[in-house]
């Protein structure tokens, strides 16, 4: 469970997936996502998952809030299988303005969605 003040939610849909060879014979999946996040407006991002029942991921994204700014974020996290083709994710995002956030969510491969909550990192 995240420690920090809840600040909102995110909801994204995958637009494409790319599978490629990874380290030590593993497989990497790059998922491109688009959606919205509370306080950030439209968001676009790419997550790279090291495939398995449990694993790690990296994230690189950009947000396009209503004020016309462009904000970016990078992060890392972990995931675990929580059912048929569903992954629970927990990650830390470093925003370009210096803030750090925690994301908790779930990827549903059947619906190609990634939804969850955002918290200020304390």
N, C-alpha and C. Protein backbone atom coordinates (compact mmCIF):
# COMPACT_ATOMS: atom_id res chain seq x y z
N UNK A 1 0.84 -1.18 0.00
CA UNK A 1 0.00 0.00 0.00
C UNK A 1 0.88 1.25 0.00
N UNK A 2 0.49 2.24 -0.76
CA UNK A 2 1.27 3.47 -0.89
C UNK A 2 1.24 4.28 0.40
N UNK A 3 2.35 4.96 0.66
CA UNK A 3 2.38 5.90 1.75
C UNK A 3 2.46 7.28 1.14
N UNK A 4 1.52 8.10 1.46
CA UNK A 4 1.46 9.44 0.90
C UNK A 4 0.03 9.86 0.69
N UNK A 5 -0.13 11.13 0.41
CA UNK A 5 -1.45 11.73 0.21
C UNK A 5 -2.02 11.31 -1.15
N UNK A 6 -3.24 10.76 -1.17
CA UNK A 6 -3.87 10.44 -2.47
C UNK A 6 -4.10 11.72 -3.27
N UNK A 7 -3.74 11.70 -4.56
CA UNK A 7 -3.95 12.90 -5.38
C UNK A 7 -4.82 12.65 -6.60
N UNK A 8 -5.16 11.39 -6.86
CA UNK A 8 -6.03 11.16 -8.00
C UNK A 8 -5.90 9.77 -8.57
N UNK A 9 -6.41 9.66 -9.79
CA UNK A 9 -6.46 8.36 -10.47
C UNK A 9 -5.96 8.51 -11.90
N UNK A 10 -5.59 7.37 -12.49
CA UNK A 10 -5.24 7.36 -13.90
C UNK A 10 -5.99 6.23 -14.59
N UNK A 11 -6.25 6.43 -15.87
CA UNK A 11 -6.95 5.44 -16.67
C UNK A 11 -6.34 5.49 -18.08
N UNK A 12 -5.75 4.37 -18.50
CA UNK A 12 -5.09 4.35 -19.79
C UNK A 12 -5.49 3.11 -20.58
N UNK A 13 -5.41 3.23 -21.88
CA UNK A 13 -5.62 2.11 -22.80
C UNK A 13 -4.34 1.93 -23.60
N UNK A 14 -4.01 0.68 -23.88
CA UNK A 14 -2.84 0.38 -24.68
C UNK A 14 -3.15 0.64 -26.15
N UNK A 15 -2.20 1.25 -26.84
CA UNK A 15 -2.35 1.47 -28.28
C UNK A 15 -1.50 0.51 -29.09
N UNK A 16 -0.48 -0.09 -28.46
CA UNK A 16 0.34 -1.09 -29.15
C UNK A 16 1.25 -1.81 -28.15
N UNK A 17 1.71 -2.99 -28.57
CA UNK A 17 2.65 -3.80 -27.78
C UNK A 17 3.77 -4.26 -28.70
N UNK A 18 4.99 -4.24 -28.19
CA UNK A 18 6.14 -4.76 -28.91
C UNK A 18 6.88 -5.71 -27.98
N UNK A 19 7.13 -6.93 -28.45
CA UNK A 19 7.90 -7.91 -27.69
C UNK A 19 9.29 -7.99 -28.29
N UNK A 20 10.29 -8.09 -27.40
CA UNK A 20 11.66 -8.16 -27.88
C UNK A 20 12.53 -8.93 -26.90
N UNK A 21 13.66 -9.44 -27.36
CA UNK A 21 14.55 -10.17 -26.47
C UNK A 21 15.11 -9.26 -25.38
N UNK A 22 15.23 -9.81 -24.18
CA UNK A 22 15.78 -9.07 -23.07
C UNK A 22 17.02 -9.74 -22.53
N UNK A 23 17.47 -9.32 -21.36
CA UNK A 23 18.68 -9.88 -20.78
C UNK A 23 18.51 -11.34 -20.37
N UNK A 24 19.58 -12.11 -20.47
CA UNK A 24 19.62 -13.50 -20.00
C UNK A 24 18.48 -14.36 -20.57
N UNK A 25 18.10 -14.12 -21.81
CA UNK A 25 17.07 -14.93 -22.44
C UNK A 25 15.65 -14.56 -22.07
N UNK A 26 15.45 -13.48 -21.32
CA UNK A 26 14.10 -13.03 -20.94
C UNK A 26 13.45 -12.31 -22.12
N UNK A 27 12.15 -12.08 -21.99
CA UNK A 27 11.41 -11.32 -22.98
C UNK A 27 10.95 -10.01 -22.36
N UNK A 28 11.08 -8.94 -23.11
CA UNK A 28 10.59 -7.62 -22.71
C UNK A 28 9.35 -7.28 -23.52
N UNK A 29 8.38 -6.64 -22.88
CA UNK A 29 7.20 -6.14 -23.57
C UNK A 29 7.16 -4.63 -23.38
N UNK A 30 7.12 -3.89 -24.50
CA UNK A 30 6.94 -2.44 -24.48
C UNK A 30 5.48 -2.16 -24.78
N UNK A 31 4.79 -1.56 -23.83
CA UNK A 31 3.39 -1.18 -24.03
C UNK A 31 3.26 0.32 -24.15
N UNK A 32 2.64 0.78 -25.21
CA UNK A 32 2.36 2.21 -25.37
C UNK A 32 0.93 2.47 -24.91
N UNK A 33 0.78 3.50 -24.08
CA UNK A 33 -0.51 3.79 -23.45
C UNK A 33 -0.91 5.25 -23.66
N UNK A 34 -2.22 5.49 -23.67
CA UNK A 34 -2.75 6.85 -23.67
C UNK A 34 -3.99 6.88 -22.80
N UNK A 35 -4.22 8.03 -22.17
CA UNK A 35 -5.38 8.15 -21.29
C UNK A 35 -5.39 9.48 -20.58
N UNK A 36 -5.90 9.45 -19.35
CA UNK A 36 -6.00 10.67 -18.54
C UNK A 36 -5.57 10.36 -17.11
N UNK A 37 -5.16 11.43 -16.42
CA UNK A 37 -4.82 11.32 -15.00
C UNK A 37 -5.25 12.61 -14.30
N UNK A 38 -5.80 12.46 -13.11
CA UNK A 38 -6.26 13.59 -12.32
C UNK A 38 -5.13 14.62 -12.18
N UNK A 39 -5.42 15.86 -12.57
CA UNK A 39 -4.45 16.94 -12.43
C UNK A 39 -3.41 17.00 -13.54
N UNK A 40 -3.40 16.03 -14.42
CA UNK A 40 -2.39 15.98 -15.48
C UNK A 40 -2.99 16.02 -16.87
N UNK A 41 -4.30 15.89 -17.00
CA UNK A 41 -4.94 15.92 -18.30
C UNK A 41 -4.67 14.66 -19.10
N UNK A 42 -4.41 14.84 -20.38
CA UNK A 42 -4.10 13.73 -21.26
C UNK A 42 -2.69 13.24 -20.98
N UNK A 43 -2.53 11.92 -20.91
CA UNK A 43 -1.20 11.35 -20.68
C UNK A 43 -0.88 10.32 -21.76
N UNK A 44 0.39 10.29 -22.14
CA UNK A 44 0.93 9.30 -23.06
C UNK A 44 2.15 8.68 -22.39
N UNK A 45 2.35 7.39 -22.56
CA UNK A 45 3.52 6.79 -21.94
C UNK A 45 3.85 5.43 -22.51
N UNK A 46 5.08 5.02 -22.26
CA UNK A 46 5.56 3.70 -22.63
C UNK A 46 6.08 3.01 -21.39
N UNK A 47 5.60 1.80 -21.16
CA UNK A 47 6.08 0.97 -20.06
C UNK A 47 6.76 -0.25 -20.65
N UNK A 48 7.90 -0.60 -20.10
CA UNK A 48 8.62 -1.80 -20.52
C UNK A 48 8.62 -2.79 -19.38
N UNK A 49 7.99 -3.94 -19.60
CA UNK A 49 7.85 -4.98 -18.58
C UNK A 49 8.80 -6.13 -18.88
N UNK A 50 9.49 -6.61 -17.85
CA UNK A 50 10.27 -7.83 -17.92
C UNK A 50 9.30 -8.96 -17.63
N UNK A 51 8.99 -9.79 -18.62
CA UNK A 51 7.86 -10.72 -18.56
C UNK A 51 8.08 -11.86 -17.57
N UNK A 52 7.02 -12.15 -16.81
CA UNK A 52 6.99 -13.27 -15.87
C UNK A 52 5.77 -13.15 -14.98
N UNK A 53 5.63 -14.06 -14.02
CA UNK A 53 4.52 -13.97 -13.05
C UNK A 53 4.73 -12.80 -12.12
N UNK A 54 5.99 -12.48 -11.85
CA UNK A 54 6.38 -11.26 -11.14
C UNK A 54 7.51 -10.65 -11.94
N UNK A 55 7.68 -9.36 -11.83
CA UNK A 55 8.74 -8.72 -12.58
C UNK A 55 8.85 -7.25 -12.28
N UNK A 56 9.65 -6.59 -13.08
CA UNK A 56 9.86 -5.15 -12.93
C UNK A 56 9.45 -4.45 -14.22
N UNK A 57 9.27 -3.14 -14.10
CA UNK A 57 8.98 -2.34 -15.29
C UNK A 57 9.60 -0.96 -15.16
N UNK A 58 9.79 -0.33 -16.31
CA UNK A 58 10.17 1.08 -16.36
C UNK A 58 9.05 1.83 -17.07
N UNK A 59 8.98 3.14 -16.82
CA UNK A 59 7.93 3.96 -17.42
C UNK A 59 8.53 5.29 -17.85
N UNK A 60 8.12 5.76 -19.00
CA UNK A 60 8.49 7.09 -19.48
C UNK A 60 7.24 7.71 -20.09
N UNK A 61 6.86 8.89 -19.61
CA UNK A 61 5.60 9.46 -20.09
C UNK A 61 5.61 10.97 -20.17
N UNK A 62 4.57 11.49 -20.77
CA UNK A 62 4.34 12.93 -20.89
C UNK A 62 2.88 13.21 -20.61
N UNK A 63 2.65 14.37 -19.98
CA UNK A 63 1.29 14.80 -19.66
C UNK A 63 1.04 16.14 -20.34
N UNK A 64 -0.20 16.33 -20.76
CA UNK A 64 -0.61 17.54 -21.47
C UNK A 64 -1.82 18.14 -20.76
N UNK A 65 -1.59 18.87 -19.64
CA UNK A 65 -2.71 19.43 -18.88
C UNK A 65 -3.41 20.55 -19.65
N UNK A 66 -4.58 20.92 -19.13
CA UNK A 66 -5.41 21.94 -19.77
C UNK A 66 -4.74 23.31 -19.85
N UNK A 67 -3.73 23.59 -19.00
CA UNK A 67 -3.10 24.90 -19.01
C UNK A 67 -2.10 25.08 -20.16
N UNK A 68 -1.93 24.06 -21.00
CA UNK A 68 -1.05 24.15 -22.15
C UNK A 68 0.38 23.72 -21.89
N UNK A 69 0.72 23.40 -20.65
CA UNK A 69 2.07 22.93 -20.33
C UNK A 69 2.27 21.51 -20.86
N UNK A 70 3.51 21.10 -20.86
CA UNK A 70 3.87 19.71 -21.11
C UNK A 70 4.72 19.27 -19.93
N UNK A 71 4.33 18.21 -19.27
CA UNK A 71 5.05 17.68 -18.12
C UNK A 71 5.52 16.27 -18.46
N UNK A 72 6.70 15.89 -17.98
CA UNK A 72 7.20 14.55 -18.24
C UNK A 72 7.46 13.81 -16.93
N UNK A 73 7.53 12.49 -17.02
CA UNK A 73 7.80 11.66 -15.85
C UNK A 73 8.53 10.40 -16.29
N UNK A 74 9.42 9.93 -15.43
CA UNK A 74 10.06 8.64 -15.62
C UNK A 74 9.93 7.87 -14.32
N UNK A 75 9.97 6.55 -14.42
CA UNK A 75 9.84 5.78 -13.20
C UNK A 75 10.18 4.33 -13.36
N UNK A 76 10.16 3.65 -12.22
CA UNK A 76 10.39 2.22 -12.17
C UNK A 76 9.39 1.60 -11.20
N UNK A 77 9.20 0.32 -11.34
CA UNK A 77 8.27 -0.34 -10.45
C UNK A 77 8.35 -1.85 -10.55
N UNK A 78 7.40 -2.48 -9.88
CA UNK A 78 7.32 -3.94 -9.92
C UNK A 78 5.86 -4.32 -10.17
N UNK A 79 5.69 -5.57 -10.59
CA UNK A 79 4.33 -6.07 -10.80
C UNK A 79 4.28 -7.53 -10.41
N UNK A 80 3.05 -7.99 -10.18
CA UNK A 80 2.82 -9.41 -9.91
C UNK A 80 1.51 -9.83 -10.53
N UNK A 81 1.44 -11.07 -10.96
CA UNK A 81 0.22 -11.62 -11.54
C UNK A 81 -0.83 -11.75 -10.44
N UNK A 82 -2.04 -11.27 -10.72
CA UNK A 82 -3.14 -11.33 -9.74
C UNK A 82 -4.38 -11.99 -10.34
N UNK A 83 -4.18 -12.78 -11.34
CA UNK A 83 -5.31 -13.44 -12.00
C UNK A 83 -4.97 -13.63 -13.46
N UNK A 84 -5.92 -14.18 -14.16
CA UNK A 84 -5.70 -14.48 -15.57
C UNK A 84 -5.41 -13.20 -16.35
N UNK A 85 -4.17 -13.05 -16.78
CA UNK A 85 -3.73 -11.94 -17.63
C UNK A 85 -3.94 -10.58 -16.98
N UNK A 86 -3.78 -10.53 -15.64
CA UNK A 86 -3.87 -9.25 -14.91
C UNK A 86 -2.62 -9.10 -14.04
N UNK A 87 -2.07 -7.88 -14.05
CA UNK A 87 -0.88 -7.58 -13.26
C UNK A 87 -1.16 -6.42 -12.33
N UNK A 88 -0.87 -6.59 -11.05
CA UNK A 88 -0.92 -5.48 -10.09
C UNK A 88 0.42 -4.78 -10.14
N UNK A 89 0.40 -3.44 -10.28
CA UNK A 89 1.63 -2.65 -10.41
C UNK A 89 1.79 -1.68 -9.25
N UNK A 90 3.03 -1.46 -8.86
CA UNK A 90 3.39 -0.42 -7.90
C UNK A 90 4.66 0.22 -8.43
N UNK A 91 4.64 1.54 -8.58
CA UNK A 91 5.80 2.22 -9.13
C UNK A 91 6.03 3.58 -8.53
N UNK A 92 7.21 4.10 -8.73
CA UNK A 92 7.56 5.45 -8.33
C UNK A 92 7.81 6.27 -9.58
N UNK A 93 7.22 7.44 -9.65
CA UNK A 93 7.39 8.34 -10.80
C UNK A 93 8.13 9.59 -10.36
N UNK A 94 9.14 9.98 -11.11
CA UNK A 94 9.85 11.23 -10.86
C UNK A 94 9.38 12.23 -11.90
N UNK A 95 8.74 13.32 -11.45
CA UNK A 95 8.23 14.32 -12.37
C UNK A 95 9.30 15.37 -12.69
N UNK A 96 9.17 16.01 -13.83
CA UNK A 96 10.18 16.99 -14.25
C UNK A 96 10.25 18.19 -13.31
N UNK A 97 9.19 18.45 -12.53
CA UNK A 97 9.23 19.57 -11.58
C UNK A 97 9.84 19.19 -10.24
N UNK A 98 10.36 17.96 -10.13
CA UNK A 98 11.02 17.52 -8.91
C UNK A 98 10.17 16.71 -7.96
N UNK A 99 8.85 16.72 -8.17
CA UNK A 99 7.99 15.92 -7.30
C UNK A 99 8.11 14.45 -7.60
N UNK A 100 7.84 13.63 -6.59
CA UNK A 100 7.83 12.18 -6.77
C UNK A 100 6.45 11.66 -6.41
N UNK A 101 5.94 10.75 -7.21
CA UNK A 101 4.62 10.15 -6.99
C UNK A 101 4.76 8.64 -6.90
N UNK A 102 3.79 8.03 -6.25
CA UNK A 102 3.66 6.57 -6.25
C UNK A 102 2.40 6.24 -7.03
N UNK A 103 2.50 5.26 -7.90
CA UNK A 103 1.32 4.79 -8.64
C UNK A 103 1.04 3.36 -8.21
N UNK A 104 -0.22 3.07 -8.02
CA UNK A 104 -0.69 1.71 -7.75
C UNK A 104 -1.79 1.43 -8.75
N UNK A 105 -1.68 0.33 -9.47
CA UNK A 105 -2.68 0.06 -10.48
C UNK A 105 -2.77 -1.39 -10.87
N UNK A 106 -3.52 -1.61 -11.95
CA UNK A 106 -3.67 -2.95 -12.47
C UNK A 106 -3.72 -2.90 -13.99
N UNK A 107 -2.87 -3.71 -14.61
CA UNK A 107 -2.90 -3.89 -16.05
C UNK A 107 -3.79 -5.09 -16.33
N UNK A 108 -4.75 -4.91 -17.22
CA UNK A 108 -5.62 -6.00 -17.65
C UNK A 108 -5.31 -6.24 -19.13
N UNK A 109 -4.60 -7.32 -19.41
CA UNK A 109 -4.18 -7.58 -20.78
C UNK A 109 -5.36 -7.89 -21.71
N UNK A 110 -6.42 -8.46 -21.18
CA UNK A 110 -7.59 -8.80 -22.00
C UNK A 110 -8.26 -7.54 -22.54
N UNK A 111 -8.35 -6.49 -21.71
CA UNK A 111 -8.99 -5.24 -22.15
C UNK A 111 -7.99 -4.19 -22.59
N UNK A 112 -6.70 -4.53 -22.49
CA UNK A 112 -5.60 -3.62 -22.85
C UNK A 112 -5.67 -2.31 -22.05
N UNK A 113 -6.00 -2.42 -20.75
CA UNK A 113 -6.14 -1.22 -19.93
C UNK A 113 -5.15 -1.24 -18.76
N UNK A 114 -4.86 -0.03 -18.24
CA UNK A 114 -4.04 0.15 -17.04
C UNK A 114 -4.68 1.27 -16.25
N UNK A 115 -5.27 0.92 -15.12
CA UNK A 115 -5.98 1.88 -14.28
C UNK A 115 -5.44 1.83 -12.87
N UNK A 116 -5.51 2.96 -12.17
CA UNK A 116 -5.04 2.94 -10.81
C UNK A 116 -5.11 4.29 -10.12
N UNK A 117 -4.35 4.42 -9.03
CA UNK A 117 -4.36 5.62 -8.19
C UNK A 117 -2.96 6.19 -8.09
N UNK A 118 -2.93 7.51 -7.83
CA UNK A 118 -1.68 8.23 -7.66
C UNK A 118 -1.61 8.83 -6.28
N UNK A 119 -0.41 8.83 -5.70
CA UNK A 119 -0.16 9.36 -4.36
C UNK A 119 1.09 10.21 -4.38
N UNK A 120 1.10 11.31 -3.56
CA UNK A 120 2.33 12.04 -3.35
C UNK A 120 3.25 11.16 -2.55
N UNK A 121 4.49 11.08 -2.93
CA UNK A 121 5.45 10.25 -2.19
C UNK A 121 5.87 11.01 -0.94
N UNK A 122 5.76 10.35 0.22
CA UNK A 122 6.13 11.03 1.46
C UNK A 122 7.47 10.55 1.96
